[in-house]
Protein backbone atom coordinates (compact mmCIF):
# COMPACT_ATOMS: atom_id res chain seq x y z
CA MET A 1 -5.12 48.96 119.08
CA ARG A 2 -7.89 49.88 121.52
CA ALA A 3 -10.67 47.33 121.99
CA SER A 4 -14.30 48.34 121.53
CA ASP A 5 -17.36 47.08 123.40
CA ALA A 6 -18.22 44.99 120.32
CA ASP A 7 -14.74 43.40 120.40
CA ARG A 8 -15.09 42.48 124.09
CA GLU A 9 -18.60 41.10 123.57
CA ARG A 10 -17.47 38.94 120.64
CA VAL A 11 -14.75 37.30 122.81
CA ALA A 12 -17.22 36.90 125.70
CA GLN A 13 -19.54 34.96 123.36
CA ILE A 14 -16.66 32.59 122.51
CA LEU A 15 -16.17 31.96 126.23
CA HIS A 16 -19.88 31.29 126.80
CA ALA A 17 -19.81 28.78 123.92
CA ALA A 18 -16.77 27.08 125.49
CA LEU A 19 -18.67 26.73 128.78
CA ALA A 20 -21.65 25.21 126.96
CA GLU A 21 -19.32 22.66 125.32
CA GLY A 22 -17.77 21.77 128.69
CA ARG A 23 -14.32 23.07 127.77
CA ILE A 24 -14.13 25.48 130.74
CA THR A 25 -15.78 25.58 134.14
CA VAL A 26 -18.08 28.26 135.50
CA GLN A 27 -15.26 29.55 137.71
CA GLU A 28 -12.91 29.76 134.69
CA LEU A 29 -15.62 31.56 132.73
CA GLU A 30 -16.00 34.18 135.45
CA GLU A 31 -12.23 34.72 135.70
CA ARG A 32 -11.82 35.01 131.95
CA LEU A 33 -14.81 37.32 131.58
CA ASP A 34 -13.31 39.63 134.21
CA THR A 35 -10.17 39.80 132.08
CA VAL A 36 -12.15 40.34 128.87
CA TYR A 37 -14.34 43.14 130.21
CA ALA A 38 -11.30 44.87 131.77
CA ALA A 39 -9.31 44.67 128.50
CA LYS A 40 -8.37 47.99 126.98
CA THR A 41 -6.50 46.68 123.93
CA LEU A 42 -7.05 43.89 121.39
CA ALA A 43 -3.85 42.20 122.58
CA GLU A 44 -5.41 41.74 126.04
CA LEU A 45 -8.38 39.89 124.49
CA GLY A 46 -6.20 37.08 123.08
CA PRO A 47 -5.02 35.22 126.23
CA PRO A 48 -8.50 34.37 127.66
CA VAL A 49 -9.33 32.36 124.48
CA ALA A 50 -5.82 31.29 123.38
CA ASP A 51 -6.15 27.71 124.72
CA LEU A 52 -9.57 27.07 123.14
CA PRO A 53 -9.70 24.98 119.95
CA GLY A 54 -11.09 26.50 116.78
CA VAL A 55 -10.53 30.10 117.85
CA SER A 56 -8.94 31.98 114.96
CA ALA A 57 -6.72 35.02 115.23
CA GLY A 58 -9.58 36.96 113.62
CA ALA A 59 -11.67 36.49 116.76
CA VAL A 60 -9.72 39.25 118.48
CA GLN A 61 -9.46 41.55 115.45
CA PRO A 62 -11.49 44.74 115.52
CA ALA A 63 -15.13 44.42 114.56
CA THR A 64 -15.83 45.86 111.14
CA PRO A 65 -18.14 48.85 111.53
CA ARG A 66 -21.31 48.61 109.53
CA THR A 67 -21.68 51.35 106.99
CA PRO A 68 -25.19 52.04 105.81
CA ALA A 69 -25.84 51.22 102.18
CA LEU A 70 -26.41 54.25 100.02
CA ASP A 71 -29.92 54.94 98.87
CA ASP A 72 -30.49 54.24 95.16
CA ARG A 73 -31.60 57.87 94.69
CA ILE A 74 -28.04 59.08 95.31
CA GLY A 75 -25.85 59.79 92.30
CA GLY A 76 -26.17 61.46 88.94
CA VAL A 77 -25.26 64.66 87.17
CA PRO A 78 -26.23 67.66 89.35
CA GLY A 79 -29.01 69.88 88.10
CA SER A 80 -29.29 73.67 88.39
CA LYS A 81 -27.51 75.20 91.37
CA MET A 82 -29.87 78.16 91.52
CA SER A 83 -33.56 79.04 91.45
CA VAL A 84 -34.37 82.75 91.17
CA ALA A 85 -37.76 84.47 91.13
CA ILE A 86 -37.80 88.29 90.97
CA MET A 87 -41.36 89.56 90.62
CA SER A 88 -42.10 86.19 89.01
CA GLY A 89 -42.08 82.48 89.75
CA ALA A 90 -39.66 79.59 89.39
CA ASP A 91 -39.99 75.91 90.08
CA ARG A 92 -38.04 72.67 90.02
CA LYS A 93 -40.30 69.62 89.90
CA GLY A 94 -40.38 66.09 88.61
CA ALA A 95 -37.22 64.17 87.74
CA TRP A 96 -34.18 66.33 88.45
CA THR A 97 -30.93 65.87 90.34
CA VAL A 98 -30.44 68.05 93.40
CA PRO A 99 -26.84 69.33 93.56
CA ALA A 100 -24.84 69.28 96.80
CA GLU A 101 -25.41 73.06 97.06
CA HIS A 102 -28.53 74.78 95.74
CA ASN A 103 -29.38 78.48 96.22
CA SER A 104 -32.96 79.67 95.99
CA PHE A 105 -33.89 83.38 95.95
CA ALA A 106 -37.35 84.96 95.82
CA PHE A 107 -37.98 88.73 95.73
CA TRP A 108 -41.61 89.71 95.25
CA GLY A 109 -42.07 86.29 93.74
CA GLY A 110 -42.27 82.62 94.52
CA VAL A 111 -40.10 79.52 94.17
CA GLU A 112 -41.27 75.93 94.50
CA LEU A 113 -38.77 73.09 94.83
CA ASP A 114 -40.32 69.62 94.80
CA LEU A 115 -37.88 66.87 95.75
CA ARG A 116 -40.31 63.94 95.82
CA ALA A 117 -39.26 62.63 92.39
CA ALA A 118 -35.72 64.00 92.52
CA ARG A 119 -32.37 62.27 92.72
CA PHE A 120 -29.52 63.61 94.83
CA ALA A 121 -26.02 64.15 93.42
CA GLU A 122 -24.59 63.43 96.86
CA ARG A 123 -25.93 62.03 100.10
CA HIS A 124 -25.76 65.45 101.82
CA SER A 125 -27.41 68.43 100.11
CA THR A 126 -27.74 71.99 101.36
CA ILE A 127 -30.45 74.34 100.11
CA THR A 128 -29.91 77.99 101.00
CA ALA A 129 -33.26 79.75 100.69
CA VAL A 130 -33.63 83.55 100.85
CA ALA A 131 -37.12 85.02 100.55
CA ILE A 132 -37.55 88.80 100.63
CA MET A 133 -41.20 89.82 100.40
CA GLY A 134 -41.74 86.54 98.61
CA GLY A 135 -42.16 82.86 99.30
CA ILE A 136 -40.19 79.65 98.86
CA ASP A 137 -41.86 76.26 99.29
CA ILE A 138 -39.62 73.19 99.48
CA VAL A 139 -41.48 69.87 99.32
CA VAL A 140 -39.43 66.92 100.57
CA PRO A 141 -40.41 63.25 100.68
CA ASP A 142 -40.90 61.81 104.14
CA ASP A 143 -38.19 59.18 103.59
CA VAL A 144 -35.25 61.61 103.59
CA ILE A 145 -33.55 63.23 106.58
CA VAL A 146 -34.37 66.94 106.79
CA ASP A 147 -32.60 69.58 108.88
CA VAL A 148 -34.29 73.00 108.83
CA ASN A 149 -32.26 75.82 110.31
CA GLY A 150 -33.04 79.32 109.06
CA ILE A 151 -34.01 82.77 110.29
CA GLY A 152 -37.41 84.37 109.92
CA PHE A 153 -37.29 88.15 110.39
CA MET A 154 -40.76 89.66 110.20
CA GLY A 155 -41.51 86.50 108.28
CA ALA A 156 -41.54 82.73 108.73
CA PHE A 157 -38.91 80.04 108.28
CA GLU A 158 -40.66 76.80 109.18
CA SER A 159 -41.07 73.09 108.67
CA GLN A 160 -44.37 71.20 108.62
CA ASP A 161 -45.68 67.72 108.01
CA ARG A 162 -48.65 67.24 105.69
CA ALA A 163 -51.32 64.60 106.17
CA GLY A 164 -50.03 61.14 105.46
CA ALA A 165 -46.37 61.95 106.18
CA SER A 166 -44.67 58.99 107.85
CA THR A 167 -43.63 59.20 111.48
CA GLN A 168 -41.07 56.42 110.95
CA PRO A 169 -37.40 57.40 110.72
CA PRO A 170 -35.90 57.41 107.21
CA PRO A 171 -34.01 54.24 106.18
CA PRO A 172 -30.26 53.99 106.85
CA GLY A 173 -28.24 55.69 104.13
CA ALA A 174 -31.14 57.95 103.10
CA PRO A 175 -30.34 61.35 101.56
CA VAL A 176 -29.86 64.24 103.99
CA VAL A 177 -31.25 67.67 103.06
CA LYS A 178 -30.26 70.73 105.09
CA VAL A 179 -32.34 73.86 104.52
CA THR A 180 -30.94 77.15 105.76
CA GLY A 181 -31.33 80.82 104.92
CA LEU A 182 -33.49 83.87 105.64
CA ALA A 183 -37.10 84.93 105.29
CA PHE A 184 -37.57 88.73 105.48
CA TRP A 185 -41.16 89.88 105.12
CA GLY A 186 -41.71 86.57 103.43
CA ALA A 187 -41.77 82.84 104.09
CA VAL A 188 -39.64 79.77 103.59
CA THR A 189 -41.68 76.64 104.20
CA VAL A 190 -40.34 73.09 104.17
CA ILE A 191 -43.18 70.61 103.72
CA ARG A 192 -42.78 66.87 104.31
CA LYS A 193 -45.14 64.77 102.17
CA PRO A 194 -45.33 61.12 101.21
CA ARG A 195 -43.43 60.22 98.06
CA ARG A 196 -45.68 60.01 94.98
């Protein structure tokens, strides 16, 4: 198995500790570190520390990658997969669960999706927003990851931060919301606001 930088660094720390305890000399440390940093596989990391007491076989096993903990807003029964406003209005606000895929359509009308008090059925959600001579406003809390990628044709497809929105990155494992679609003679606006 191929060794990672984290694997090599872990074995190098064992060697530095051995030097501090007087078990190896500075010259031995340098020689062994050369071997460690040149190692391409886990098997090559074993010999430089094999003669040191207290070194377990696990010292040269691959480092366990850290997986971010899931946000407590993830999970639940998905809510409506569609919001439609034709010469009228539609909104989704308050406590609701955003499905993995949500389609929003406005024709001579308006749709408002407010995700600040929402849960997310899955970590990654995609909202496809199509506004034709209408408007769609999507309010997202500033502690989720937002990816806005849509087309404005004689209209606007944009993202903006409101006053008070955090400039800090969202926490690890935070929900990810992708907003895509089309605004034709209309507007799709994604607004980041602080959570209520």
